[in-house]
């Protein structure tokens, strides 16, 4: 895990905890358009949020989980954010969890732990702030405080 980037995400969540909702990627309702094999085009539904400047906080009432916040923070300018995925300029759609997995350099166990819908903020903080050895205990469901 890239601890430095994970700390940035946690600090953003802690700065406005009301925007943290671990049960869904985001609360954006827009969906991207797509093209059927026969060439029929279905346009976007709703208005995606768009990152217009570096350092921009994607807000306007949005909430997000750990992966969603990672995307809001580290996606490049011009990225469009939809309900379940995002479109980085000049690239195909990518899901929030795939983007965050790559950006934070996570193992599969870390993806499963950090993106679980039942995790609360305290659990996320505990994991990110833990040592490598303590993280292994956490992922195995053990307590390292015993």
Protein backbone atom coordinates (compact mmCIF):
# COMPACT_ATOMS: atom_id res chain seq x y z
CA UNK A 1 0.00 0.00 0.00
CA UNK A 2 1.17 3.50 -0.77
CA UNK A 3 0.89 4.83 2.78
CA UNK A 4 1.49 8.47 1.79
CA UNK A 5 -1.44 8.51 -0.64
CA UNK A 6 -3.66 6.54 1.74
CA UNK A 7 -2.94 9.15 4.45
CA UNK A 8 -3.99 11.92 2.04
CA UNK A 9 -7.30 10.14 1.43
CA UNK A 10 -7.91 9.58 5.15
CA UNK A 11 -7.13 13.22 5.95
CA UNK A 12 -9.63 14.35 3.32
CA UNK A 13 -12.30 12.07 4.78
CA UNK A 14 -11.55 13.21 8.35
CA UNK A 15 -11.81 16.86 7.25
CA UNK A 16 -15.47 16.31 6.34
CA UNK A 17 -16.66 13.00 7.80
CA UNK A 18 -20.24 13.64 6.70
CA UNK A 19 -19.06 13.01 3.13
CA UNK A 20 -17.84 9.48 3.96
CA UNK A 21 -20.26 6.70 3.04
CA UNK A 22 -18.51 3.35 2.84
CA UNK A 23 -21.65 1.61 1.52
CA UNK A 24 -21.36 2.96 -2.03
CA UNK A 25 -18.72 4.27 -4.42
CA UNK A 26 -20.36 7.71 -4.64
CA UNK A 27 -23.83 9.22 -4.50
CA UNK A 28 -23.53 10.58 -8.04
CA UNK A 29 -26.51 9.36 -10.09
CA UNK A 30 -25.18 9.97 -13.61
CA UNK A 31 -24.34 6.99 -15.81
CA UNK A 32 -22.04 7.05 -18.84
CA UNK A 33 -23.26 6.60 -22.38
CA UNK A 34 -22.24 3.56 -24.36
CA UNK A 35 -22.41 2.06 -27.83
CA UNK A 36 -24.12 -1.25 -28.65
CA UNK A 37 -22.49 -3.67 -31.06
CA UNK A 38 -24.97 -2.60 -33.77
CA UNK A 39 -23.77 1.00 -33.51
CA UNK A 40 -26.72 2.29 -31.49
CA UNK A 41 -25.49 4.97 -29.10
CA UNK A 42 -27.04 5.53 -25.70
CA UNK A 43 -26.15 9.00 -24.36
CA UNK A 44 -25.02 9.80 -20.82
CA UNK A 45 -27.79 9.89 -18.25
CA UNK A 46 -27.60 12.78 -15.83
CA UNK A 47 -24.72 15.15 -15.26
CA UNK A 48 -21.44 13.63 -14.15
CA UNK A 49 -19.20 15.56 -11.79
CA UNK A 50 -16.10 16.81 -13.64
CA UNK A 51 -12.69 17.55 -12.17
CA UNK A 52 -11.86 20.96 -13.61
CA UNK A 53 -8.69 21.89 -11.68
CA UNK A 54 -5.92 20.19 -9.69
CA UNK A 55 -6.75 20.12 -6.01
CA UNK A 56 -10.47 20.59 -6.70
CA UNK A 57 -12.67 18.99 -4.06
CA UNK A 58 -15.45 17.11 -5.80
CA UNK A 59 -18.30 18.01 -3.51
CA UNK A 60 -21.64 19.57 -4.43
CA UNK A 61 -23.27 17.17 -1.98
CA UNK A 62 -21.31 14.10 -3.00
CA UNK A 63 -20.44 11.35 -0.57
CA UNK A 64 -18.07 8.51 -1.27
CA UNK A 65 -16.29 5.52 0.18
CA UNK A 66 -12.53 5.16 0.53
CA UNK A 67 -12.16 4.22 -3.15
CA UNK A 68 -14.40 7.06 -4.31
CA UNK A 69 -12.43 9.62 -2.32
CA UNK A 70 -9.20 8.22 -3.77
CA UNK A 71 -10.60 8.82 -7.25
CA UNK A 72 -11.80 12.34 -6.44
CA UNK A 73 -8.36 13.27 -5.12
CA UNK A 74 -5.96 11.57 -7.54
CA UNK A 75 -7.82 11.48 -10.87
CA UNK A 76 -6.46 13.89 -13.47
CA UNK A 77 -8.18 17.10 -14.52
CA UNK A 78 -10.96 16.39 -17.01
CA UNK A 79 -12.08 13.15 -15.37
CA UNK A 80 -15.85 12.60 -15.35
CA UNK A 81 -17.28 10.88 -12.28
CA UNK A 82 -20.37 8.69 -12.63
CA UNK A 83 -22.34 6.50 -10.24
CA UNK A 84 -20.20 3.34 -10.44
CA UNK A 85 -17.24 4.33 -12.59
CA UNK A 86 -15.23 7.20 -13.99
CA UNK A 87 -13.88 8.27 -17.36
CA UNK A 88 -10.33 9.60 -17.40
CA UNK A 89 -9.67 11.72 -20.52
CA UNK A 90 -8.56 9.61 -23.51
CA UNK A 91 -9.10 6.34 -21.59
CA UNK A 92 -11.93 3.80 -21.28
CA UNK A 93 -14.24 3.70 -18.30
CA UNK A 94 -12.68 2.42 -15.08
CA UNK A 95 -14.39 1.45 -11.84
CA UNK A 96 -13.62 3.33 -8.64
CA UNK A 97 -12.17 0.25 -6.99
CA UNK A 98 -9.87 -0.52 -9.93
CA UNK A 99 -8.62 3.06 -10.03
CA UNK A 100 -8.05 3.21 -6.27
CA UNK A 101 -6.40 -0.22 -6.26
CA UNK A 102 -3.88 0.97 -8.86
CA UNK A 103 -3.37 4.43 -7.35
CA UNK A 104 -2.84 3.15 -3.81
CA UNK A 105 -0.83 0.08 -4.93
CA UNK A 106 -2.98 -2.33 -2.91
CA UNK A 107 -2.85 -6.09 -2.53
CA UNK A 108 -6.06 -8.04 -3.13
CA UNK A 109 -6.43 -8.50 0.63
CA UNK A 110 -6.18 -4.74 1.13
CA UNK A 111 -8.76 -4.12 -1.59
CA UNK A 112 -11.14 -6.52 0.14
CA UNK A 113 -10.57 -4.91 3.53
CA UNK A 114 -10.46 -1.20 2.66
CA UNK A 115 -13.38 -1.21 0.23
CA UNK A 116 -15.76 -3.37 2.29
CA UNK A 117 -19.08 -1.59 2.74
CA UNK A 118 -19.34 -2.39 6.46
CA UNK A 119 -16.01 -0.77 7.43
CA UNK A 120 -16.21 2.36 9.54
CA UNK A 121 -13.72 5.22 9.48
CA UNK A 122 -11.97 4.04 12.64
CA UNK A 123 -11.20 0.68 11.01
CA UNK A 124 -9.80 2.39 7.92
CA UNK A 125 -7.62 4.66 10.05
CA UNK A 126 -6.40 1.74 12.15
CA UNK A 127 -5.39 -0.21 9.05
CA UNK A 128 -3.65 2.64 7.23
CA UNK A 129 -1.76 3.75 10.34
CA UNK A 130 -0.71 0.20 11.30
CA UNK A 131 2.75 -1.19 10.72
CA UNK A 132 3.23 -3.80 8.01
CA UNK A 133 3.20 -6.54 10.65
CA UNK A 134 0.03 -5.18 12.27
CA UNK A 135 -1.69 -5.00 8.86
CA UNK A 136 -1.03 -8.71 8.36
CA UNK A 137 -2.82 -9.44 11.65
CA UNK A 138 -5.73 -7.21 10.69
CA UNK A 139 -6.16 -8.88 7.29
CA UNK A 140 -6.13 -12.29 8.99
CA UNK A 141 -8.83 -11.18 11.40
CA UNK A 142 -6.49 -11.37 14.39
CA UNK A 143 -5.88 -8.77 17.04
CA UNK A 144 -2.33 -7.44 17.27
CA UNK A 145 -3.07 -5.77 20.63
CA UNK A 146 -3.25 -9.01 22.60
